[in-house]
Amino acid sequence: MNANSSLNKTLQQIQVSVGAEHVHLDDESRTFYSTDVYRQADVLALAVVRPGTVEELQAVVRSCASAGFPLVTRGGGASYTDGYLAIRENTICIDTSRLTQITVNEDDMYVTAEAGVTWAELYAVLKAKGLRTPFWGPFSGLAATVGGSMSSYAVNYGSGLYGISSESLTSLDVVLASGELLSTGSAGGINNSPYLRFYGPDLTGLFVGDAGALGIKARISMRLMKFPVGFAACSFGFPDGESTLQAMVEIAKLGVVSQNFGLDPRQQETALTRMQSANSLDAAKAVFLSARSPMDGLFQLGRMGLAGRNFLKNAVYSAHFSAEGLTNAEAKAKIAEVREIGQRYGAEVANSIPTYFNAEPFMELLPILGPNGERWKPTHGIIPFSKLLKHHADFEALLEEYSDRMAAVRVQLTRMLMFFSTNGFIYEPTFLWEDSRSIYHEKVYPAALLPNVPEHPDNPEGRALVAEIKNRILNLCVQNGACHMQIGKDYPFLETRKPEMAGMIRKLKDLLDPSGLMNPGALGLD
């Protein structure tokens, strides 16, 4: 059988498994699914496949394994680290968006969601039952899926108290390269269910953060908690980055903040633009309905007024903190502890931004284009507290070194800052540069808003400089002992591991995926 006959036979098998209407072979689909927030792959996916059940997913994997076709898996598509971009010919892209079943077990307090469920969908289903997962999603939760957030890790909502996405896990159902379905945690036992993660070796942990290199997440089970109705928030303006970081580290060690983020001046402008891009009546309604009482709703709307926003615009840096509790009194008591520290480093301002995000936590992917239509590419490091100020100083020096070249080709850098739990700090520089849009921007950015966003001509010099500075930032991260989420094919994972660790990871890959078909290139694995 020649190569074309084998290829056609495999595609026909896949069409039989999932339905021909769910296998996309057209150039537009292949191009879109081969483009992420940052760039288009050098190799287009051969086909885009959208299985509707876990059994269909297994059938697709078995067909690809038999034919030797590589696989990449796409969740919400918000990757900017080549996470689902192909590097080999004849790669099949699996789109998980039809895997959307949610099963809630209120007696045993866990929820099982298929990989394509978004955090916004899961949050809505659980909130209607008075429940929530401890970690409950990133900012991009309208698009970001629970499967993607376990493959790449995610932070934000709930992270101050409960850590990153995988810390809420109890079990995974993973499709291996052979097409077999592996259940981890308690679900791996006879006559058992996915209510508990820890029984014997923690095999659940083996598959999280793997960028899909070891298997495809099919179902994700997480523990539940009663929905905390108490909420309080505060915001502070700070004179410089150092005081912002010092205040945030001290506050992190309290262990009382559920959500937090710090913004440099340019990033702050982006956040305010996002607030102002929303329909003002819808935003006001959301804030009012999220309040504890009608009087509190009116008070919060008053604090979200223009004066509060202008105050934040005039601050050099800002940081925003939210606390939750069984009651408002509990949440306010936590915020009082935060306020005591914040006042030593900066000045309190109107809490417009955290109040807004509590009311509207998940929004459209507006940040994929900057306030003036710029291209957008984040990069980050998880920095130990003891090295945070040095990392900040190193980054400031890098900015100074590149300032003239950046201005010449219209490249800017902003920063977002965030701690999670009591021992991790995310320092996230984000590139904004004037450049032409990709198919990703045209299809993902909200269609009603896109005509009002400025367009820019092709800027290859700007793109090249972004790539150069990005690599310099990654070198700083290595020097300062940083870790990373969303490793994909971008962050230098395998090459920075000690020989014993790198060797073990390669052995795991050989054991679970001997033909190297699962997302080749992820984690630095061939």
Protein backbone atom coordinates (compact mmCIF):
# COMPACT_ATOMS: atom_id res chain seq x y z
CA MET A 1 0.00 0.00 0.00
CA ASN A 2 1.49 3.37 -0.98
CA ALA A 3 1.67 6.36 1.36
CA ASN A 4 -1.38 8.13 -0.10
CA SER A 5 -3.51 5.00 0.17
CA SER A 6 -2.47 4.53 3.81
CA LEU A 7 -3.22 8.18 4.57
CA ASN A 8 -6.65 8.03 2.93
CA LYS A 9 -7.50 4.77 4.70
CA THR A 10 -6.62 6.25 8.09
CA LEU A 11 -8.67 9.39 7.45
CA GLN A 12 -11.61 7.26 6.37
CA GLN A 13 -11.34 5.22 9.59
CA ILE A 14 -11.37 8.43 11.60
CA GLN A 15 -14.39 9.73 9.68
CA VAL A 16 -16.25 6.52 10.45
CA SER A 17 -15.35 6.85 14.15
CA VAL A 18 -16.44 10.47 14.68
CA GLY A 19 -18.58 11.30 11.65
CA ALA A 20 -17.29 12.90 8.45
CA GLU A 21 -18.75 16.28 9.46
CA HIS A 22 -16.36 16.35 12.41
CA VAL A 23 -13.19 15.84 10.36
CA HIS A 24 -11.98 19.09 8.77
CA LEU A 25 -9.56 18.89 5.86
CA ASP A 26 -9.97 22.37 4.34
CA ASP A 27 -7.02 24.76 4.28
CA GLU A 28 -8.73 27.44 6.37
CA SER A 29 -9.43 25.04 9.26
CA ARG A 30 -5.97 23.50 9.04
CA THR A 31 -4.38 26.96 9.11
CA PHE A 32 -6.49 28.21 12.01
CA TYR A 33 -5.87 25.12 14.12
CA SER A 34 -2.16 25.41 13.34
CA THR A 35 -1.97 28.96 14.71
CA ASP A 36 -1.90 30.01 18.34
CA VAL A 37 -1.93 33.43 19.98
CA TYR A 38 1.74 33.99 19.11
CA ARG A 39 2.43 32.46 15.70
CA GLN A 40 1.55 30.03 12.92
CA ALA A 41 3.24 26.63 12.82
CA ASP A 42 5.74 25.89 10.07
CA VAL A 43 3.85 22.62 9.45
CA LEU A 44 0.07 22.62 9.04
CA ALA A 45 -2.00 19.90 10.67
CA LEU A 46 -3.12 17.23 8.22
CA ALA A 47 -6.67 17.25 9.60
CA VAL A 48 -8.71 18.59 12.50
CA VAL A 49 -10.78 15.95 14.30
CA ARG A 50 -13.55 16.69 16.80
CA PRO A 51 -14.53 13.55 18.76
CA GLY A 52 -17.82 13.74 20.63
CA THR A 53 -17.24 10.97 23.20
CA VAL A 54 -14.30 9.51 25.07
CA GLU A 55 -14.79 6.28 23.11
CA GLU A 56 -14.52 8.21 19.84
CA LEU A 57 -11.34 9.85 21.15
CA GLN A 58 -9.88 6.43 21.88
CA ALA A 59 -10.79 5.21 18.38
CA VAL A 60 -9.05 8.20 16.79
CA VAL A 61 -5.90 7.61 18.85
CA ARG A 62 -5.88 3.91 17.90
CA SER A 63 -6.19 4.75 14.19
CA CYS A 64 -3.36 7.27 14.41
CA ALA A 65 -1.18 4.84 16.36
CA SER A 66 -1.70 2.14 13.74
CA ALA A 67 -0.76 4.53 10.91
CA GLY A 68 2.06 6.26 12.80
CA PHE A 69 0.38 9.68 12.63
CA PRO A 70 1.46 12.19 15.31
CA LEU A 71 -1.23 13.82 17.46
CA VAL A 72 -1.63 17.25 19.03
CA THR A 73 -4.55 18.18 21.27
CA ARG A 74 -6.22 21.60 21.33
CA GLY A 75 -8.39 22.76 24.21
CA GLY A 76 -9.56 26.37 24.27
CA GLY A 77 -6.78 27.42 21.90
CA ALA A 78 -5.29 30.16 24.12
CA SER A 79 -1.77 28.72 24.01
CA TYR A 80 1.10 31.08 23.20
CA THR A 81 3.89 28.51 23.61
CA ASP A 82 3.34 26.33 20.50
CA GLY A 83 1.41 23.97 22.78
CA TYR A 84 -0.77 22.46 20.03
CA LEU A 85 1.28 23.42 16.97
CA ALA A 86 2.55 20.58 14.81
CA ILE A 87 6.23 20.03 14.05
CA ARG A 88 5.81 16.84 11.94
CA GLU A 89 4.01 16.11 8.70
CA ASN A 90 0.70 14.20 8.83
CA THR A 91 -0.10 15.43 12.34
CA ILE A 92 -3.74 15.10 13.42
CA CYS A 93 -5.08 17.93 15.58
CA ILE A 94 -7.70 16.75 18.07
CA ASP A 95 -10.15 19.50 19.01
CA THR A 96 -11.77 18.60 22.35
CA SER A 97 -14.59 21.17 22.13
CA ARG A 98 -17.32 18.49 21.76
CA LEU A 99 -16.25 16.65 24.94
CA THR A 100 -18.52 18.60 27.26
CA GLN A 101 -20.21 16.24 29.73
CA ILE A 102 -20.29 17.30 33.39
CA THR A 103 -21.24 14.92 36.21
CA VAL A 104 -21.65 16.31 39.73
CA ASN A 105 -21.53 14.00 42.74
CA GLU A 106 -22.86 16.10 45.62
CA ASP A 107 -22.74 13.22 48.11
CA ASP A 108 -19.02 12.52 47.66
CA MET A 109 -18.18 16.14 46.76
CA TYR A 110 -16.44 15.74 43.44
CA VAL A 111 -17.21 16.73 39.86
CA THR A 112 -16.11 14.98 36.67
CA ALA A 113 -15.83 17.08 33.53
CA GLU A 114 -14.79 15.99 30.06
CA ALA A 115 -11.72 17.69 28.66
CA GLY A 116 -13.55 20.22 26.47
CA VAL A 117 -15.60 21.76 29.28
CA THR A 118 -14.67 25.41 29.81
CA TRP A 119 -14.12 26.84 33.27
CA ALA A 120 -17.02 29.25 32.72
CA GLU A 121 -19.36 26.34 31.91
CA LEU A 122 -18.21 24.36 34.93
CA TYR A 123 -18.49 27.39 37.23
CA ALA A 124 -22.08 28.08 36.11
CA VAL A 125 -23.23 24.47 36.61
CA LEU A 126 -21.67 24.24 40.06
CA LYS A 127 -22.74 27.68 41.27
CA ALA A 128 -26.37 26.79 40.52
CA LYS A 129 -25.95 23.97 43.05
CA GLY A 130 -24.19 26.17 45.62
CA LEU A 131 -20.85 24.48 44.91
CA ARG A 132 -17.45 25.29 43.47
CA THR A 133 -14.08 23.73 42.78
CA PRO A 134 -11.32 25.27 44.97
CA PHE A 135 -9.41 26.51 41.91
CA TRP A 136 -12.10 27.71 39.55
CA GLY A 137 -10.37 28.99 36.44
CA PRO A 138 -8.09 31.51 34.74
CA PHE A 139 -9.10 34.91 33.36
CA SER A 140 -9.59 33.20 29.98
CA GLY A 141 -12.19 30.80 31.41
CA LEU A 142 -14.73 31.48 28.64
CA ALA A 143 -12.35 29.69 26.28
CA ALA A 144 -9.88 27.84 28.51
CA THR A 145 -10.82 24.22 29.16
CA VAL A 146 -10.30 22.08 32.22
CA GLY A 147 -8.32 19.61 30.10
CA GLY A 148 -5.98 22.28 28.80
CA SER A 149 -5.48 23.73 32.26
CA MET A 150 -4.37 20.36 33.57
CA SER A 151 -2.03 19.73 30.64
CA SER A 152 -0.45 23.16 30.97
CA TYR A 153 -1.37 24.28 34.51
CA ALA A 154 -3.31 27.48 35.17
CA VAL A 155 -3.66 30.06 37.91
CA ASN A 156 -5.92 32.85 39.07
CA TYR A 157 -9.35 32.32 40.61
CA GLY A 158 -8.90 30.61 43.94
CA SER A 159 -5.13 30.32 43.49
CA GLY A 160 -4.23 32.52 46.44
CA LEU A 161 -5.80 29.99 48.80
CA TYR A 162 -5.80 26.74 46.84
CA GLY A 163 -2.83 26.92 44.48
CA ILE A 164 -2.68 26.06 40.80
CA SER A 165 -5.23 24.11 38.76
CA SER A 166 -3.84 20.64 39.43
CA GLU A 167 -4.07 21.07 43.21
CA SER A 168 -7.85 20.63 42.98
CA LEU A 169 -7.60 17.31 41.11
CA THR A 170 -8.79 13.97 42.42
CA SER A 171 -8.45 11.83 39.28
CA LEU A 172 -7.80 11.79 35.54
CA ASP A 173 -8.99 9.52 32.73
CA VAL A 174 -6.11 9.61 30.25
CA VAL A 175 -6.04 8.15 26.74
CA LEU A 176 -2.59 6.69 26.20
CA ALA A 177 -0.79 6.48 22.86
CA SER A 178 -2.11 2.92 22.46
CA GLY A 179 -5.72 4.09 22.78
CA GLU A 180 -6.06 2.53 26.24
CA LEU A 181 -7.88 4.50 28.93
CA LEU A 182 -6.00 4.88 32.21
CA SER A 183 -7.86 6.04 35.33
CA THR A 184 -5.74 7.51 38.11
CA GLY A 185 -6.25 7.96 41.85
CA SER A 186 -9.09 6.09 43.52
CA ALA A 187 -10.78 5.62 40.13
CA GLY A 188 -8.02 3.20 39.20
CA GLY A 189 -9.35 0.66 41.69
CA ILE A 190 -12.00 -2.04 41.38
CA ASN A 191 -15.51 -0.88 42.42
CA ASN A 192 -14.25 2.64 43.08
CA SER A 193 -14.93 6.22 41.96
CA PRO A 194 -12.76 9.29 41.30
CA TYR A 195 -13.27 10.88 44.72
CA LEU A 196 -9.67 10.75 46.00
CA ARG A 197 -6.32 11.47 44.40
CA PHE A 198 -3.93 9.81 46.83
CA TYR A 199 -3.81 6.01 47.06
CA GLY A 200 -0.41 4.55 46.31
CA PRO A 201 1.88 6.39 43.88
CA ASP A 202 0.40 9.68 42.69
CA LEU A 203 -0.09 8.78 39.03
CA THR A 204 -2.45 11.72 38.60
CA GLY A 205 0.52 14.02 39.05
CA LEU A 206 2.41 12.17 36.33
CA PHE A 207 0.06 13.47 33.63
CA VAL A 208 -0.47 17.07 34.74
CA GLY A 209 1.75 19.75 33.26
CA ASP A 210 2.93 17.33 30.54
CA ALA A 211 1.64 19.46 27.62
CA GLY A 212 0.00 16.30 26.29
CA ALA A 213 3.31 14.54 25.76
CA LEU A 214 2.36 11.51 27.89
CA GLY A 215 -1.34 11.17 27.12
CA ILE A 216 -4.58 12.96 26.26
CA LYS A 217 -6.80 14.02 29.16
CA ALA A 218 -10.31 12.73 28.53
CA ARG A 219 -12.03 13.29 31.89
CA ILE A 220 -10.98 15.43 34.83
CA SER A 221 -12.33 14.94 38.35
CA MET A 222 -11.95 17.64 41.00
CA ARG A 223 -12.99 18.05 44.59
CA LEU A 224 -15.85 20.34 45.52
CA MET A 225 -16.54 22.82 48.29
CA LYS A 226 -19.56 24.86 49.30
CA PHE A 227 -19.69 28.13 47.36
CA PRO A 228 -18.28 30.88 49.61
CA VAL A 229 -20.80 33.72 49.68
CA GLY A 230 -18.60 36.20 51.55
CA PHE A 231 -16.53 38.59 49.42
CA ALA A 232 -14.35 41.61 50.08
CA ALA A 233 -11.63 43.35 48.08
CA CYS A 234 -9.12 46.14 48.23
CA SER A 235 -6.73 47.83 45.79
CA PHE A 236 -3.52 49.78 46.32
CA GLY A 237 -1.39 52.10 44.25
CA PHE A 238 2.37 51.83 44.73
CA PRO A 239 5.19 54.20 43.79
CA ASP A 240 7.40 51.56 42.14
CA GLY A 241 7.79 47.89 41.31
CA GLU A 242 9.91 47.10 44.36
CA SER A 243 7.31 48.29 46.87
CA THR A 244 4.60 46.42 44.93
CA LEU A 245 6.55 43.16 45.08
CA GLN A 246 7.45 43.53 48.75
CA ALA A 247 3.83 44.19 49.71
CA MET A 248 2.54 41.27 47.63
CA VAL A 249 5.04 38.82 49.11
CA GLU A 250 4.12 39.81 52.67
CA ILE A 251 0.43 39.49 51.84
CA ALA A 252 0.98 36.09 50.20
CA LYS A 253 2.45 34.75 53.43
CA LEU A 254 -0.79 35.55 55.28
CA GLY A 255 -2.60 32.79 53.39
CA VAL A 256 -5.91 34.70 53.30
CA VAL A 257 -6.21 36.06 49.74
CA SER A 258 -8.22 34.08 47.18
CA GLN A 259 -7.36 36.16 44.09
CA ASN A 260 -4.69 38.76 43.47
CA PHE A 261 -2.78 40.45 40.70
CA GLY A 262 -0.44 43.39 40.33
CA LEU A 263 -0.15 45.59 37.25
CA ASP A 264 2.52 47.89 35.93
CA PRO A 265 1.27 51.15 34.36
CA ARG A 266 0.88 49.80 30.81
CA GLN A 267 -0.75 46.54 31.92
CA GLN A 268 -3.09 48.54 34.12
CA GLU A 269 -4.23 50.50 31.09
CA THR A 270 -5.04 47.19 29.38
CA ALA A 271 -7.12 46.02 32.34
CA LEU A 272 -9.06 49.30 32.42
CA THR A 273 -9.61 49.11 28.67
CA ARG A 274 -11.05 45.62 29.12
CA MET A 275 -13.48 46.94 31.72
CA GLN A 276 -14.47 49.85 29.53
CA SER A 277 -14.88 47.64 26.42
CA ALA A 278 -17.73 45.82 28.10
CA ASN A 279 -21.25 47.15 27.74
CA SER A 280 -21.52 49.60 30.63
CA LEU A 281 -25.08 48.62 31.53
CA ASP A 282 -24.22 44.90 31.47
CA ALA A 283 -21.16 45.52 33.63
CA ALA A 284 -23.16 47.57 36.13
CA LYS A 285 -25.88 44.93 36.25
CA ALA A 286 -23.31 42.17 36.88
CA VAL A 287 -21.69 44.11 39.72
CA PHE A 288 -25.04 44.93 41.27
CA LEU A 289 -26.27 41.32 41.11
CA SER A 290 -23.03 40.02 42.61
CA ALA A 291 -23.38 42.25 45.67
CA ARG A 292 -24.61 40.88 49.01
CA SER A 293 -27.55 43.29 49.20
CA PRO A 294 -29.17 46.08 47.15
CA MET A 295 -27.51 48.74 49.31
CA ASP A 296 -24.13 47.07 48.91
CA GLY A 297 -24.74 46.90 45.17
CA LEU A 298 -25.30 50.65 44.96
CA PHE A 299 -22.20 51.24 47.06
CA GLN A 300 -20.05 49.05 44.77
CA LEU A 301 -21.35 50.81 41.66
CA GLY A 302 -20.40 54.12 43.24
CA ARG A 303 -16.88 52.91 43.91
CA MET A 304 -16.58 51.74 40.30
CA GLY A 305 -17.21 55.28 39.10
CA LEU A 306 -14.95 57.35 36.88
CA ALA A 307 -13.10 58.89 39.83
CA GLY A 308 -11.94 55.47 41.01
CA ARG A 309 -10.74 54.50 37.57
CA ASN A 310 -8.89 57.78 37.10
CA PHE A 311 -7.19 57.35 40.47
CA LEU A 312 -5.89 53.95 39.33
CA LYS A 313 -4.74 55.41 36.01
CA ASN A 314 -2.57 57.88 37.91
CA ALA A 315 -0.88 55.23 40.09
CA VAL A 316 2.49 53.97 38.89
CA TYR A 317 1.83 50.35 39.90
CA SER A 318 -1.27 48.80 41.40
CA ALA A 319 -2.17 45.54 43.13
CA HIS A 320 -5.61 44.07 43.74
CA PHE A 321 -6.69 41.57 46.38
CA SER A 322 -9.89 39.60 46.92
CA ALA A 323 -10.88 37.49 49.91
CA GLU A 324 -13.73 35.05 50.35
CA GLY A 325 -15.41 33.45 53.32
CA LEU A 326 -18.54 31.86 54.68
CA THR A 327 -19.75 35.37 55.47
CA ASN A 328 -18.92 38.92 54.46
CA ALA A 329 -17.58 39.46 57.95
CA GLU A 330 -15.02 36.69 57.48
CA ALA A 331 -13.96 38.06 54.09
CA LYS A 332 -13.67 41.59 55.46
CA ALA A 333 -11.57 40.38 58.39
CA LYS A 334 -9.12 38.85 55.93
CA ILE A 335 -9.00 42.03 53.86
CA ALA A 336 -8.28 44.02 57.04
CA GLU A 337 -5.06 42.01 57.42
CA VAL A 338 -4.19 42.68 53.78
CA ARG A 339 -4.91 46.38 54.19
CA GLU A 340 -2.55 46.66 57.14
CA ILE A 341 0.35 45.51 54.99
CA GLY A 342 -0.68 47.41 51.86
CA GLN A 343 -0.82 50.71 53.72
CA ARG A 344 2.83 50.36 54.72
CA TYR A 345 3.96 50.28 51.10
CA GLY A 346 1.38 52.26 49.15
CA ALA A 347 -1.95 54.09 49.19
CA GLU A 348 -5.37 52.48 49.04
CA VAL A 349 -7.49 53.33 46.00
CA ALA A 350 -11.00 52.43 44.88
CA ASN A 351 -11.37 48.66 44.46
CA SER A 352 -12.97 49.01 41.02
CA ILE A 353 -10.88 46.37 39.28
CA PRO A 354 -11.25 43.40 41.69
CA THR A 355 -14.94 44.19 42.19
CA TYR A 356 -15.45 44.15 38.45
CA PHE A 357 -13.63 40.87 37.97
CA ASN A 358 -15.59 39.26 40.79
CA ALA A 359 -18.78 40.19 38.97
CA GLU A 360 -17.50 39.27 35.48
CA PRO A 361 -14.67 36.77 36.03
CA PHE A 362 -14.66 35.26 32.55
CA MET A 363 -14.65 37.49 29.50
CA GLU A 364 -13.88 37.30 25.82
CA LEU A 365 -10.23 36.97 24.79
CA LEU A 366 -9.73 40.72 24.42
CA PRO A 367 -6.08 40.66 25.59
CA ILE A 368 -4.95 38.80 22.43
CA LEU A 369 -4.76 42.28 20.90
CA GLY A 370 -3.49 45.25 22.89
CA PRO A 371 -5.46 48.46 23.58
CA ASN A 372 -4.26 49.90 20.27
CA GLY A 373 -4.45 46.71 18.25
CA GLU A 374 -0.95 45.46 19.05
CA ARG A 375 0.01 41.80 18.86
CA TRP A 376 0.29 40.16 22.30
CA LYS A 377 2.68 37.52 23.66
CA PRO A 378 3.08 36.80 27.39
CA THR A 379 6.04 35.02 28.92
CA HIS A 380 6.57 34.32 32.58
CA GLY A 381 8.57 32.80 35.37
CA ILE A 382 7.50 31.38 38.73
CA ILE A 383 10.10 32.94 41.00
CA PRO A 384 10.98 32.00 44.61
CA PHE A 385 10.30 34.91 46.95
CA SER A 386 13.98 35.20 47.90
CA LYS A 387 15.01 35.92 44.30
CA LEU A 388 12.07 38.08 43.27
CA LEU A 389 13.65 41.51 43.75
CA LYS A 390 16.81 40.40 41.93
CA HIS A 391 14.72 39.07 39.04
CA HIS A 392 12.87 42.38 38.91
CA ALA A 393 16.15 44.32 38.87
CA ASP A 394 17.51 42.06 36.13
CA PHE A 395 14.39 42.63 34.07
CA GLU A 396 14.57 46.40 34.56
CA ALA A 397 18.19 46.33 33.34
CA LEU A 398 17.10 44.33 30.30
CA LEU A 399 14.42 46.89 29.52
CA GLU A 400 16.98 49.68 29.71
CA GLU A 401 19.36 47.76 27.42
CA TYR A 402 16.69 47.30 24.75
CA SER A 403 14.73 50.54 25.13
CA ASP A 404 16.02 52.26 21.99
CA ARG A 405 15.69 49.19 19.77
CA MET A 406 12.19 48.52 21.10
CA ALA A 407 11.08 52.07 20.37
CA ALA A 408 12.52 51.89 16.86
CA VAL A 409 10.40 48.88 15.87
CA ARG A 410 7.36 49.69 18.04
CA VAL A 411 7.72 46.96 20.69
CA GLN A 412 6.58 47.44 24.29
CA LEU A 413 6.72 45.28 27.41
CA THR A 414 4.19 45.25 30.23
CA ARG A 415 4.08 43.16 33.40
CA MET A 416 1.48 41.33 35.43
CA LEU A 417 2.37 40.07 38.92
CA MET A 418 0.60 37.37 40.92
CA PHE A 419 1.24 35.08 43.86
CA PHE A 420 -0.36 31.71 44.40
CA SER A 421 -0.70 29.90 47.71
CA THR A 422 1.96 31.08 50.18
CA ASN A 423 5.08 30.17 48.23
CA GLY A 424 4.93 30.96 44.51
CA PHE A 425 5.19 34.24 42.61
CA ILE A 426 4.45 34.69 38.91
CA TYR A 427 6.38 37.48 37.21
CA GLU A 428 4.82 37.83 33.75
CA PRO A 429 6.26 40.22 31.17
CA THR A 430 4.00 40.62 28.16
CA PHE A 431 5.03 41.86 24.73
CA LEU A 432 2.88 44.29 22.77
CA TRP A 433 4.07 45.22 19.32
CA GLU A 434 2.54 46.74 16.21
CA ASP A 435 2.16 44.03 13.59
CA SER A 436 -0.32 42.49 11.17
CA ARG A 437 -3.01 40.19 12.53
CA SER A 438 -3.11 36.44 12.05
CA ILE A 439 -6.06 34.18 11.28
CA TYR A 440 -6.23 33.51 15.02
CA HIS A 441 -7.01 37.15 15.80
CA GLU A 442 -9.54 37.37 12.99
CA LYS A 443 -11.47 34.34 14.25
CA VAL A 444 -11.10 34.61 18.03
CA TYR A 445 -11.30 38.32 18.86
CA PRO A 446 -14.94 39.37 19.49
CA ALA A 447 -16.36 40.08 16.05
CA ALA A 448 -18.47 43.04 17.19
CA LEU A 449 -15.40 44.84 18.55
CA LEU A 450 -12.80 43.95 15.93
CA PRO A 451 -13.79 46.66 13.38
CA ASN A 452 -12.94 49.31 15.99
CA VAL A 453 -9.46 47.91 16.73
CA PRO A 454 -6.58 49.63 14.89
CA GLU A 455 -4.72 47.54 12.30
CA HIS A 456 -0.98 47.65 11.68
CA PRO A 457 1.25 46.69 8.75
CA ASP A 458 3.50 43.66 8.74
CA ASN A 459 6.44 44.19 11.12
CA PRO A 460 9.05 41.42 10.73
CA GLU A 461 11.68 43.49 12.53
CA GLY A 462 9.40 43.82 15.54
CA ARG A 463 8.66 40.08 15.55
CA ALA A 464 12.37 39.28 15.39
CA LEU A 465 13.12 41.59 18.31
CA VAL A 466 10.31 40.05 20.36
CA ALA A 467 11.83 36.60 19.78
CA GLU A 468 15.29 37.86 20.75
CA ILE A 469 14.16 39.54 23.97
CA LYS A 470 11.94 36.57 24.84
CA ASN A 471 14.99 34.32 24.81
CA ARG A 472 16.90 36.77 26.97
CA ILE A 473 14.04 36.73 29.50
CA LEU A 474 14.09 32.93 29.51
CA ASN A 475 17.82 33.06 30.29
CA LEU A 476 17.09 35.37 33.23
CA CYS A 477 14.51 32.88 34.46
CA VAL A 478 17.05 30.05 34.33
CA GLN A 479 19.61 32.17 36.21
CA ASN A 480 17.09 33.00 38.93
CA GLY A 481 15.79 29.46 39.45
CA ALA A 482 12.37 29.99 37.86
CA CYS A 483 9.81 27.35 36.91
CA HIS A 484 7.13 27.72 34.23
CA MET A 485 3.57 26.79 33.40
CA GLN A 486 2.32 26.28 29.83
CA ILE A 487 5.68 24.78 28.87
CA GLY A 488 4.52 23.61 25.45
CA LYS A 489 7.45 23.73 23.03
CA ASP A 490 8.68 27.14 24.15
CA TYR A 491 10.14 26.97 27.65
CA PRO A 492 13.47 25.10 28.03
CA PHE A 493 12.24 22.25 30.21
CA LEU A 494 14.18 19.10 29.36
CA GLU A 495 17.43 20.91 28.59
CA THR A 496 17.45 22.52 32.03
CA ARG A 497 16.78 19.32 34.02
CA LYS A 498 19.49 17.51 35.93
CA PRO A 499 20.71 14.43 34.01
CA GLU A 500 18.90 11.99 36.31
CA MET A 501 15.60 13.83 35.93
CA ALA A 502 15.94 14.22 32.16
CA GLY A 503 16.74 10.53 31.83
CA MET A 504 13.70 9.49 33.86
CA ILE A 505 11.39 11.69 31.78
CA ARG A 506 12.72 10.18 28.56
CA LYS A 507 12.16 6.68 29.95
CA LEU A 508 8.57 7.58 30.86
CA LYS A 509 8.01 8.89 27.35
CA ASP A 510 9.43 5.70 25.85
CA LEU A 511 7.22 3.58 28.09
CA LEU A 512 3.96 5.44 27.52
CA ASP A 513 4.52 6.60 23.94
CA PRO A 514 7.20 4.37 22.36
CA SER A 515 6.60 5.72 18.84
CA GLY A 516 6.75 9.34 19.98
CA LEU A 517 3.34 10.26 18.54
CA MET A 518 1.91 12.31 21.42
CA ASN A 519 2.59 16.01 20.78
CA PRO A 520 6.15 15.65 19.47
CA GLY A 521 8.39 18.47 20.70
CA ALA A 522 6.42 19.16 23.88
CA LEU A 523 8.58 19.42 27.00
CA GLY A 524 11.60 19.25 24.68
CA LEU A 525 10.91 15.58 23.88
CA ASP A 526 11.30 14.36 20.29
